C-alpha atoms as a PDB file:
ATOM      1  CA  MET A   1       0.000   0.000   0.000  1.00  0.00           C
ATOM      2  CA  ILE A   2       2.855   2.364   0.815  1.00  0.00           C
ATOM      3  CA  TYR A   3       4.437   1.592  -2.563  1.00  0.00           C
ATOM      4  CA  ALA A   4       1.116   2.312  -4.297  1.00  0.00           C
ATOM      5  CA  LEU A   5       0.885   5.667  -2.516  1.00  0.00           C
ATOM      6  CA  LEU A   6       4.470   6.561  -3.427  1.00  0.00           C
ATOM      7  CA  TYR A   7       3.890   5.586  -7.042  1.00  0.00           C
ATOM      8  CA  ALA A   8       0.697   7.651  -7.201  1.00  0.00           C
ATOM      9  CA  LEU A   9       2.571  10.647  -5.760  1.00  0.00           C
ATOM     10  CA  VAL A  10       5.354  10.252  -8.316  1.00  0.00           C
ATOM     11  CA  ARG A  11       2.905  10.044 -11.207  1.00  0.00           C
ATOM     12  CA  THR A  12       1.035  13.099  -9.934  1.00  0.00           C
ATOM     13  CA  LEU A  13       4.202  15.195  -9.598  1.00  0.00           C
ATOM     14  CA  SER A  14       5.284  14.120 -13.080  1.00  0.00           C
ATOM     15  CA  LEU A  15       2.231  15.921 -14.473  1.00  0.00           C
ATOM     16  CA  ILE A  16       3.877  19.256 -13.636  1.00  0.00           C
ATOM     17  CA  PRO A  17       5.243  20.740 -16.894  1.00  0.00           C
ATOM     18  CA  ARG A  18       8.923  19.838 -17.096  1.00  0.00           C
ATOM     19  CA  PRO A  19      10.346  23.403 -17.250  1.00  0.00           C
ATOM     20  CA  VAL A  20       8.351  24.296 -14.135  1.00  0.00           C
ATOM     21  CA  GLY A  21       9.313  21.060 -12.405  1.00  0.00           C
ATOM     22  CA  LEU A  22      13.028  21.594 -12.997  1.00  0.00           C
ATOM     23  CA  ARG A  23      12.814  25.068 -11.483  1.00  0.00           C
ATOM     24  CA  LEU A  24      10.866  23.666  -8.546  1.00  0.00           C
ATOM     25  CA  GLY A  25      13.544  21.010  -8.139  1.00  0.00           C
ATOM     26  CA  GLU A  26      16.298  23.601  -8.017  1.00  0.00           C
ATOM     27  CA  GLY A  27      14.301  25.571  -5.472  1.00  0.00           C
ATOM     28  CA  LEU A  28      13.809  22.418  -3.410  1.00  0.00           C
ATOM     29  CA  GLY A  29      17.554  21.819  -3.535  1.00  0.00           C
ATOM     30  CA  THR A  30      18.183  25.359  -2.294  1.00  0.00           C
ATOM     31  CA  LEU A  31      15.756  24.767   0.584  1.00  0.00           C
ATOM     32  CA  PHE A  32      17.588  21.609   1.625  1.00  0.00           C
ATOM     33  CA  TYR A  33      20.896  23.448   1.325  1.00  0.00           C
ATOM     34  CA  HIS A  34      19.691  25.664   4.173  1.00  0.00           C
ATOM     35  CA  LEU A  35      18.013  22.879   6.187  1.00  0.00           C
ATOM     36  CA  LEU A  36      20.617  20.091   6.015  1.00  0.00           C
ATOM     37  CA  LYS A  37      23.486  21.733   7.844  1.00  0.00           C
ATOM     38  CA  ARG A  38      25.507  18.531   8.335  1.00  0.00           C
ATOM     39  CA  ARG A  39      25.364  17.543   4.648  1.00  0.00           C
ATOM     40  CA  ARG A  40      26.127  21.118   3.655  1.00  0.00           C
ATOM     41  CA  GLU A  41      29.265  21.103   5.779  1.00  0.00           C
ATOM     42  CA  ILE A  42      30.319  17.654   4.523  1.00  0.00           C
ATOM     43  CA  ALA A  43      30.110  18.985   0.969  1.00  0.00           C
ATOM     44  CA  PHE A  44      32.097  22.093   1.888  1.00  0.00           C
ATOM     45  CA  GLN A  45      34.819  20.058   3.626  1.00  0.00           C
ATOM     46  CA  ASN A  46      35.018  17.694   0.648  1.00  0.00           C
ATOM     47  CA  LEU A  47      35.452  20.638  -1.716  1.00  0.00           C
ATOM     48  CA  THR A  48      38.124  22.035   0.585  1.00  0.00           C
ATOM     49  CA  THR A  49      39.954  18.706   0.472  1.00  0.00           C
ATOM     50  CA  ALA A  50      39.589  18.493  -3.303  1.00  0.00           C
ATOM     51  CA  PHE A  51      40.502  22.053  -4.277  1.00  0.00           C
ATOM     52  CA  GLY A  52      42.238  23.542  -1.249  1.00  0.00           C
ATOM     53  CA  GLY A  53      43.751  26.883  -2.204  1.00  0.00           C
ATOM     54  CA  GLN A  54      42.638  26.554  -5.830  1.00  0.00           C
ATOM     55  CA  LYS A  55      39.216  28.001  -4.981  1.00  0.00           C
ATOM     56  CA  THR A  56      38.225  30.659  -2.474  1.00  0.00           C
ATOM     57  CA  GLU A  57      35.845  29.921   0.385  1.00  0.00           C
ATOM     58  CA  ALA A  58      33.124  31.892  -1.422  1.00  0.00           C
ATOM     59  CA  GLU A  59      33.629  29.791  -4.566  1.00  0.00           C
ATOM     60  CA  ARG A  60      33.421  26.563  -2.575  1.00  0.00           C
ATOM     61  CA  ARG A  61      30.242  27.712  -0.814  1.00  0.00           C
ATOM     62  CA  ASP A  62      28.727  28.566  -4.170  1.00  0.00           C
ATOM     63  CA  LEU A  63      29.619  25.106  -5.511  1.00  0.00           C
ATOM     64  CA  VAL A  64      27.864  23.524  -2.534  1.00  0.00           C
ATOM     65  CA  ARG A  65      24.718  25.511  -3.366  1.00  0.00           C
ATOM     66  CA  GLN A  66      24.954  24.436  -6.995  1.00  0.00           C
ATOM     67  CA  CYS A  67      25.401  20.823  -5.895  1.00  0.00           C
ATOM     68  CA  PHE A  68      22.161  20.941  -3.870  1.00  0.00           C
ATOM     69  CA  ARG A  69      20.312  22.682  -6.717  1.00  0.00           C
ATOM     70  CA  GLY A  70      21.457  19.958  -9.076  1.00  0.00           C
ATOM     71  CA  ILE A  71      20.263  17.211  -6.733  1.00  0.00           C
ATOM     72  CA  GLY A  72      16.824  18.835  -6.609  1.00  0.00           C
ATOM     73  CA  ARG A  73      16.703  19.071 -10.400  1.00  0.00           C
ATOM     74  CA  HIS A  74      17.730  15.413 -10.714  1.00  0.00           C
ATOM     75  CA  PHE A  75      14.879  14.425  -8.409  1.00  0.00           C
ATOM     76  CA  PHE A  76      12.344  15.888 -10.818  1.00  0.00           C
ATOM     77  CA  GLU A  77      14.124  14.427 -13.844  1.00  0.00           C
ATOM     78  CA  ALA A  78      13.679  10.999 -12.240  1.00  0.00           C
ATOM     79  CA  LEU A  79       9.966  11.686 -11.776  1.00  0.00           C
ATOM     80  CA  TYR A  80       9.544  12.482 -15.470  1.00  0.00           C
ATOM     81  CA  LEU A  81      11.048   9.127 -16.436  1.00  0.00           C
ATOM     82  CA  PHE A  82       7.925   7.467 -15.012  1.00  0.00           C
ATOM     83  CA  ARG A  83       5.857   9.212 -17.692  1.00  0.00           C
ATOM     84  CA  PHE A  84       8.208   9.959 -20.616  1.00  0.00           C
ATOM     85  CA  GLY A  85       9.215   7.330 -23.152  1.00  0.00           C
ATOM     86  CA  ALA A  86      12.146   7.032 -25.544  1.00  0.00           C
ATOM     87  CA  GLU A  87      10.897   9.625 -28.024  1.00  0.00           C
ATOM     88  CA  ARG A  88      10.422  12.345 -25.409  1.00  0.00           C
ATOM     89  CA  VAL A  89      13.717  11.636 -23.636  1.00  0.00           C
ATOM     90  CA  GLN A  90      15.619  11.955 -26.927  1.00  0.00           C
ATOM     91  CA  GLU A  91      14.304  15.505 -27.254  1.00  0.00           C
ATOM     92  CA  TYR A  92      16.544  16.695 -24.427  1.00  0.00           C
ATOM     93  CA  VAL A  93      19.334  14.076 -24.127  1.00  0.00           C
ATOM     94  CA  ARG A  94      22.021  13.720 -26.767  1.00  0.00           C
ATOM     95  CA  PHE A  95      25.102  11.486 -26.935  1.00  0.00           C
ATOM     96  CA  SER A  96      28.687  12.246 -27.878  1.00  0.00           C
ATOM     97  CA  GLY A  97      31.490   9.713 -28.353  1.00  0.00           C
ATOM     98  CA  ILE A  98      29.079   6.821 -28.921  1.00  0.00           C
ATOM     99  CA  GLU A  99      31.641   5.322 -31.303  1.00  0.00           C
ATOM    100  CA  HIS A 100      33.728   4.391 -28.257  1.00  0.00           C
ATOM    101  CA  TYR A 101      30.891   2.210 -26.991  1.00  0.00           C
ATOM    102  CA  GLN A 102      30.302   0.688 -30.421  1.00  0.00           C
ATOM    103  CA  GLN A 103      33.974  -0.202 -30.832  1.00  0.00           C
ATOM    104  CA  ALA A 104      34.054  -1.788 -27.377  1.00  0.00           C
ATOM    105  CA  LYS A 105      30.810  -3.682 -27.997  1.00  0.00           C
ATOM    106  CA  ALA A 106      32.193  -5.128 -31.231  1.00  0.00           C
ATOM    107  CA  LEU A 107      34.855  -7.011 -29.242  1.00  0.00           C
ATOM    108  CA  GLY A 108      32.134  -9.383 -28.012  1.00  0.00           C
ATOM    109  CA  LYS A 109      33.254  -9.387 -24.376  1.00  0.00           C
ATOM    110  CA  GLY A 110      30.475  -7.232 -22.964  1.00  0.00           C
ATOM    111  CA  VAL A 111      31.029  -3.640 -21.851  1.00  0.00           C
ATOM    112  CA  ALA A 112      31.541  -2.282 -18.349  1.00  0.00           C
ATOM    113  CA  PHE A 113      30.437   1.335 -18.105  1.00  0.00           C
ATOM    114  CA  LEU A 114      32.426   3.317 -15.569  1.00  0.00           C
ATOM    115  CA  THR A 115      30.654   6.282 -14.024  1.00  0.00           C
ATOM    116  CA  GLY A 116      30.065   7.975 -10.694  1.00  0.00           C
ATOM    117  CA  HIS A 117      27.528  10.011  -8.777  1.00  0.00           C
ATOM    118  CA  PHE A 118      27.896  12.778 -11.279  1.00  0.00           C
ATOM    119  CA  GLY A 119      25.118  14.723 -12.955  1.00  0.00           C
ATOM    120  CA  CYS A 120      21.770  13.014 -13.395  1.00  0.00           C
ATOM    121  CA  TRP A 121      23.054   9.446 -13.554  1.00  0.00           C
ATOM    122  CA  GLU A 122      19.571   7.892 -13.357  1.00  0.00           C
ATOM    123  CA  LEU A 123      18.520   9.795 -16.485  1.00  0.00           C
ATOM    124  CA  MET A 124      21.761   8.811 -18.212  1.00  0.00           C
ATOM    125  CA  VAL A 125      21.353   5.056 -17.810  1.00  0.00           C
ATOM    126  CA  ASN A 126      17.691   5.137 -18.806  1.00  0.00           C
ATOM    127  CA  ALA A 127      18.375   7.317 -21.844  1.00  0.00           C
ATOM    128  CA  PHE A 128      21.050   4.850 -22.923  1.00  0.00           C
ATOM    129  CA  GLY A 129      18.620   1.965 -22.486  1.00  0.00           C
ATOM    130  CA  TYR A 130      16.027   3.740 -24.617  1.00  0.00           C
ATOM    131  CA  VAL A 131      18.371   4.827 -27.413  1.00  0.00           C
ATOM    132  CA  PHE A 132      20.911   1.997 -27.569  1.00  0.00           C
ATOM    133  CA  ASP A 133      21.089  -1.187 -25.476  1.00  0.00           C
ATOM    134  CA  PRO A 134      19.762  -2.272 -22.070  1.00  0.00           C
ATOM    135  CA  THR A 135      22.281  -2.287 -19.233  1.00  0.00           C
ATOM    136  CA  TYR A 136      22.543  -4.245 -16.002  1.00  0.00           C
ATOM    137  CA  VAL A 137      22.944  -1.614 -13.283  1.00  0.00           C
ATOM    138  CA  VAL A 138      24.876  -2.593 -10.149  1.00  0.00           C
ATOM    139  CA  VAL A 139      23.288  -0.975  -7.082  1.00  0.00           C
ATOM    140  CA  LYS A 140      23.108  -1.156  -3.315  1.00  0.00           C
ATOM    141  CA  PRO A 141      19.478  -1.817  -2.286  1.00  0.00           C
ATOM    142  CA  LEU A 142      17.654   0.770  -0.184  1.00  0.00           C
ATOM    143  CA  ASP A 143      16.699  -0.257   3.345  1.00  0.00           C
ATOM    144  CA  PHE A 144      13.060   0.882   3.013  1.00  0.00           C
ATOM    145  CA  GLU A 145      11.320  -1.767   0.891  1.00  0.00           C
ATOM    146  CA  PRO A 146       8.637   0.458  -0.770  1.00  0.00           C
ATOM    147  CA  ALA A 147      11.308   2.993  -1.755  1.00  0.00           C
ATOM    148  CA  GLU A 148      13.532   0.180  -3.038  1.00  0.00           C
ATOM    149  CA  LYS A 149      10.685  -1.180  -5.171  1.00  0.00           C
ATOM    150  CA  LEU A 150       9.997   2.294  -6.574  1.00  0.00           C
ATOM    151  CA  SER A 151      13.701   2.785  -7.284  1.00  0.00           C
ATOM    152  CA  ARG A 152      13.900  -0.553  -9.100  1.00  0.00           C
ATOM    153  CA  THR A 153      10.833   0.381 -11.180  1.00  0.00           C
ATOM    154  CA  LEU A 154      12.573   3.609 -12.202  1.00  0.00           C
ATOM    155  CA  ARG A 155      15.891   1.961 -13.064  1.00  0.00           C
ATOM    156  CA  GLU A 156      14.259  -0.751 -15.169  1.00  0.00           C
ATOM    157  CA  ILE A 157      11.775   1.482 -16.962  1.00  0.00           C
ATOM    158  CA  SER A 158      13.741   1.607 -20.233  1.00  0.00           C
ATOM    159  CA  GLY A 159      14.613  -2.095 -20.347  1.00  0.00           C
ATOM    160  CA  ASN A 160      17.565  -2.054 -17.967  1.00  0.00           C
ATOM    161  CA  ARG A 161      17.903  -4.576 -15.148  1.00  0.00           C
ATOM    162  CA  VAL A 162      19.139  -4.156 -11.580  1.00  0.00           C
ATOM    163  CA  VAL A 163      21.801  -6.355  -9.983  1.00  0.00           C
ATOM    164  CA  THR A 164      22.416  -5.906  -6.251  1.00  0.00           C
ATOM    165  CA  LYS A 165      25.997  -5.642  -5.046  1.00  0.00           C
ATOM    166  CA  GLU A 166      25.747  -8.327  -2.371  1.00  0.00           C
ATOM    167  CA  ARG A 167      27.516 -11.542  -3.450  1.00  0.00           C
ATOM    168  CA  SER A 168      27.101 -10.626  -7.107  1.00  0.00           C
ATOM    169  CA  MET A 169      30.600 -11.212  -8.547  1.00  0.00           C
ATOM    170  CA  ARG A 170      29.783 -14.534 -10.224  1.00  0.00           C
ATOM    171  CA  THR A 171      26.626 -13.068 -11.741  1.00  0.00           C
ATOM    172  CA  LEU A 172      28.498 -10.041 -13.089  1.00  0.00           C
ATOM    173  CA  ILE A 173      31.251 -12.199 -14.594  1.00  0.00           C
ATOM    174  CA  ARG A 174      28.609 -14.354 -16.288  1.00  0.00           C
ATOM    175  CA  LEU A 175      26.809 -11.311 -17.700  1.00  0.00           C
ATOM    176  CA  LEU A 176      29.993  -9.898 -19.221  1.00  0.00           C
ATOM    177  CA  ARG A 177      30.910 -13.259 -20.714  1.00  0.00           C
ATOM    178  CA  GLU A 178      27.443 -13.322 -22.292  1.00  0.00           C
ATOM    179  CA  GLY A 179      28.229  -9.977 -23.939  1.00  0.00           C
ATOM    180  CA  ARG A 180      25.965  -7.854 -21.712  1.00  0.00           C
ATOM    181  CA  ASN A 181      26.462  -4.265 -20.561  1.00  0.00           C
ATOM    182  CA  LEU A 182      27.145  -3.435 -16.911  1.00  0.00           C
ATOM    183  CA  GLY A 183      26.795   0.030 -15.341  1.00  0.00           C
ATOM    184  CA  ILE A 184      29.000   0.542 -12.288  1.00  0.00           C
ATOM    185  CA  LEU A 185      29.280   3.582 -10.020  1.00  0.00           C
ATOM    186  CA  MET A 186      32.505   3.280  -8.055  1.00  0.00           C
ATOM    187  CA  ASP A 187      33.089   6.627  -6.397  1.00  0.00           C
ATOM    188  CA  GLN A 188      31.613   6.125  -2.921  1.00  0.00           C
ATOM    189  CA  ASN A 189      33.375   5.305   0.312  1.00  0.00           C
ATOM    190  CA  ILE A 190      33.608   1.591   1.057  1.00  0.00           C
ATOM    191  CA  ASP A 191      34.741  -0.582   3.943  1.00  0.00           C
ATOM    192  CA  TRP A 192      38.465  -1.344   3.899  1.00  0.00           C
ATOM    193  CA  LYS A 193      37.969  -5.103   3.375  1.00  0.00           C
ATOM    194  CA  ASP A 194      36.126  -4.514   0.077  1.00  0.00           C
ATOM    195  CA  GLY A 195      38.376  -1.870  -1.405  1.00  0.00           C
ATOM    196  CA  VAL A 196      41.848  -0.522  -1.976  1.00  0.00           C
ATOM    197  CA  PHE A 197      43.206   2.892  -1.033  1.00  0.00           C
ATOM    198  CA  VAL A 198      43.991   5.068  -4.062  1.00  0.00           C
ATOM    199  CA  ASP A 199      44.430   8.798  -4.492  1.00  0.00           C
ATOM    200  CA  PHE A 200      41.329  10.882  -5.052  1.00  0.00           C
ATOM    201  CA  PHE A 201      42.079  14.600  -5.246  1.00  0.00           C
ATOM    202  CA  GLY A 202      45.435  13.921  -3.593  1.00  0.00           C
ATOM    203  CA  LYS A 203      44.022  12.101  -0.557  1.00  0.00           C
ATOM    204  CA  ARG A 204      43.838   8.328  -0.155  1.00  0.00           C
ATOM    205  CA  ALA A 205      40.256   7.110  -0.485  1.00  0.00           C
ATOM    206  CA  CYS A 206      39.018   3.571   0.046  1.00  0.00           C
ATOM    207  CA  THR A 207      37.692   2.616  -3.402  1.00  0.00           C
ATOM    208  CA  ASN A 208      35.727  -0.397  -4.598  1.00  0.00           C
ATOM    209  CA  LYS A 209      38.062  -2.874  -6.308  1.00  0.00           C
ATOM    210  CA  GLY A 210      35.186  -4.870  -7.805  1.00  0.00           C
ATOM    211  CA  LEU A 211      35.458  -3.379 -11.301  1.00  0.00           C
ATOM    212  CA  ALA A 212      39.168  -4.207 -11.558  1.00  0.00           C
ATOM    213  CA  LEU A 213      38.463  -7.763 -10.365  1.00  0.00           C
ATOM    214  CA  LEU A 214      35.753  -8.125 -13.015  1.00  0.00           C
ATOM    215  CA  ILE A 215      38.004  -6.942 -15.824  1.00  0.00           C
ATOM    216  CA  LYS A 216      40.874  -9.113 -14.620  1.00  0.00           C
ATOM    217  CA  SER A 217      38.548 -12.136 -14.901  1.00  0.00           C
ATOM    218  CA  THR A 218      36.799 -11.302 -18.185  1.00  0.00           C
ATOM    219  CA  GLY A 219      38.973  -8.943 -20.224  1.00  0.00           C
ATOM    220  CA  ALA A 220      35.897  -6.810 -20.928  1.00  0.00           C
ATOM    221  CA  PRO A 221      36.492  -3.200 -22.059  1.00  0.00           C
ATOM    222  CA  VAL A 222      35.775  -0.356 -19.635  1.00  0.00           C
ATOM    223  CA  VAL A 223      34.060   2.659 -21.219  1.00  0.00           C
ATOM    224  CA  PRO A 224      33.623   5.796 -19.068  1.00  0.00           C
ATOM    225  CA  GLY A 225      30.345   7.651 -19.446  1.00  0.00           C
ATOM    226  CA  PHE A 226      29.036  10.794 -17.746  1.00  0.00           C
ATOM    227  CA  MET A 227      25.915  12.979 -17.910  1.00  0.00           C
ATOM    228  CA  ILE A 228      26.564  16.702 -18.413  1.00  0.00           C
ATOM    229  CA  TYR A 229      23.891  19.369 -17.942  1.00  0.00           C
ATOM    230  CA  GLU A 230      24.039  21.936 -20.744  1.00  0.00           C
ATOM    231  CA  GLY A 231      21.362  24.253 -19.390  1.00  0.00           C
ATOM    232  CA  GLN A 232      17.813  24.980 -20.529  1.00  0.00           C
ATOM    233  CA  GLY A 233      16.742  21.458 -19.576  1.00  0.00           C
ATOM    234  CA  ARG A 234      19.150  19.752 -21.984  1.00  0.00           C
ATOM    235  CA  TYR A 235      21.832  17.133 -21.355  1.00  0.00           C
ATOM    236  CA  ARG A 236      24.745  15.483 -23.115  1.00  0.00           C
ATOM    237  CA  VAL A 237      25.999  11.971 -22.331  1.00  0.00           C
ATOM    238  CA  GLU A 238      29.750  11.966 -22.882  1.00  0.00           C
ATOM    239  CA  MET A 239      31.181   8.537 -23.763  1.00  0.00           C
ATOM    240  CA  GLN A 240      34.973   8.334 -23.512  1.00  0.00           C
ATOM    241  CA  PRO A 241      37.517   5.958 -25.100  1.00  0.00           C
ATOM    242  CA  ALA A 242      37.824   2.524 -23.502  1.00  0.00           C
ATOM    243  CA  LEU A 243      40.495   2.346 -20.811  1.00  0.00           C
ATOM    244  CA  PRO A 244      43.446  -0.006 -21.357  1.00  0.00           C
ATOM    245  CA  TRP A 245      44.104  -2.756 -18.820  1.00  0.00           C
ATOM    246  CA  LEU A 246      47.287  -1.915 -16.925  1.00  0.00           C
ATOM    247  CA  ASP A 247      49.347  -5.112 -16.814  1.00  0.00           C
ATOM    248  CA  PHE A 248      52.135  -5.697 -14.295  1.00  0.00           C
ATOM    249  CA  ASP A 249      53.498  -9.097 -15.354  1.00  0.00           C
ATOM    250  CA  GLY A 250      50.931 -11.098 -13.436  1.00  0.00           C
ATOM    251  CA  ASP A 251      51.275  -9.158 -10.161  1.00  0.00           C
ATOM    252  CA  ARG A 252      47.574  -9.427  -9.345  1.00  0.00           C
ATOM    253  CA  THR A 253      47.652  -7.185  -6.278  1.00  0.00           C
ATOM    254  CA  LYS A 254      49.400  -4.363  -8.132  1.00  0.00           C
ATOM    255  CA  GLU A 255      47.148  -4.738 -11.166  1.00  0.00           C
ATOM    256  CA  ILE A 256      43.985  -4.454  -9.068  1.00  0.00           C
ATOM    257  CA  GLU A 257      45.337  -1.407  -7.242  1.00  0.00           C
ATOM    258  CA  GLU A 258      46.670   0.418 -10.306  1.00  0.00           C
ATOM    259  CA  ASN A 259      43.606  -0.187 -12.454  1.00  0.00           C
ATOM    260  CA  THR A 260      41.346   0.941  -9.605  1.00  0.00           C
ATOM    261  CA  ARG A 261      43.525   4.045  -9.365  1.00  0.00           C
ATOM    262  CA  GLN A 262      43.048   4.597 -13.109  1.00  0.00           C
ATOM    263  CA  TYR A 263      39.248   4.319 -12.816  1.00  0.00           C
ATOM    264  CA  SER A 264      39.174   6.691  -9.865  1.00  0.00           C
ATOM    265  CA  ARG A 265      41.290   9.209 -11.757  1.00  0.00           C
ATOM    266  CA  VAL A 266      38.737   9.310 -14.584  1.00  0.00           C
ATOM    267  CA  ILE A 267      35.996  10.270 -12.124  1.00  0.00           C
ATOM    268  CA  GLU A 268      38.275  12.842 -10.489  1.00  0.00           C
ATOM    269  CA  ASP A 269      39.030  14.419 -13.869  1.00  0.00           C
ATOM    270  CA  MET A 270      35.311  14.829 -14.562  1.00  0.00           C
ATOM    271  CA  ALA A 271      34.717  16.301 -11.105  1.00  0.00           C
ATOM    272  CA  ARG A 272      37.501  18.803 -11.806  1.00  0.00           C
ATOM    273  CA  ARG A 273      35.987  19.741 -15.162  1.00  0.00           C
ATOM    274  CA  TYR A 274      32.453  20.078 -13.780  1.00  0.00           C
ATOM    275  CA  PRO A 275      32.693  20.496  -9.989  1.00  0.00           C
ATOM    276  CA  ASP A 276      29.069  21.644  -9.776  1.00  0.00           C
ATOM    277  CA  HIS A 277      27.962  18.245 -11.162  1.00  0.00           C
ATOM    278  CA  TYR A 278      29.596  16.057  -8.539  1.00  0.00           C
ATOM    279  CA  PHE A 279      27.824  14.537  -5.511  1.00  0.00           C
ATOM    280  CA  TRP A 280      29.933  16.257  -2.836  1.00  0.00           C
ATOM    281  CA  VAL A 281      27.489  15.519   0.014  1.00  0.00           C
ATOM    282  CA  HIS A 282      28.857  11.958   0.384  1.00  0.00           C
ATOM    283  CA  GLN A 283      31.653  11.250   2.914  1.00  0.00           C
ATOM    284  CA  ARG A 284      34.120  10.071   0.294  1.00  0.00           C
ATOM    285  CA  TRP A 285      37.144   9.894   2.608  1.00  0.00           C
ATOM    286  CA  LYS A 286      35.384   8.396   5.641  1.00  0.00           C
ATOM    287  CA  THR A 287      37.323   5.107   5.797  1.00  0.00           C
ATOM    288  CA  ARG A 288      40.941   5.768   6.683  1.00  0.00           C
ATOM    289  CA  PRO A 289      44.004   3.542   6.218  1.00  0.00           C
ATOM    290  CA  TYR A 290      45.015   1.555   9.281  1.00  0.00           C
ATOM    291  CA  GLN A 291      47.707   3.220  11.329  1.00  0.00           C
ATOM    292  CA  ALA A 292      49.302   1.516  14.305  1.00  0.00           C
ATOM    293  CA  TRP A 293      49.416   3.456  17.566  1.00  0.00           C
ATOM    294  CA  PRO A 294      52.863   4.972  18.086  1.00  0.00           C
ATOM    295  CA  ARG A 295      55.001   3.287  20.732  1.00  0.00           C
ATOM    296  CA  GLU A 296      55.682   5.286  23.851  1.00  0.00           C
END
């Protein structure tokens, strides 16, 4: 019943004309910027870590506001996916660099899309499903079951399928070997036992090593893809050239670490190019490397 109520609310809100809804979303983001003090300060501290003296305090505060406005706009974009189909989505989403995906797909090993919490990632994966090929999206399930069901409905609306992260490695390897597409966001903090520490904006961040393990097992190409907001309600999905596998003469540990570092650097480069697009409210550097207590 709760799911039915949530779905009815989503469908009702999606009836708001899209230009009005996007402005409402940005206003909602501004409201939460003022209300969510802790998240606001996390975002500011993250920007301080990332850019340090490269940006003034006023510039970093402004980026935090833009980050919240973007999150609000993305919320409404997700609502419109419940009502818009492929034809309508193609009116305001375009693709660049699609040849990189096509070249990778032609290898017949499946394609792993590398992305992060950057721009309107939910719109990006659904637009790709509508225009090109369905993708299996790797996600962490939400704790609240009605919200999780609604989220799954959204993510699968254009033909995509959801794969949960828990104990999924064998499934993901099988999907790549079958020539499927996988969408993986790998820019959030993770527990030390599931990740490796690599530089992110000059500070060691515990980063999911799952993508590197997948590619080590399958040899599938990794194609970065990111959603960029161009203003006036229009977006561009930027597909980048496939990343080479960094080989270290069979040193598995070094290969996993260095390729994870390479993937993280791609996300960092995009966050540098478009800092207002990145999801700074997450505690990216929360897990710290183990340090023994100094002897007295």
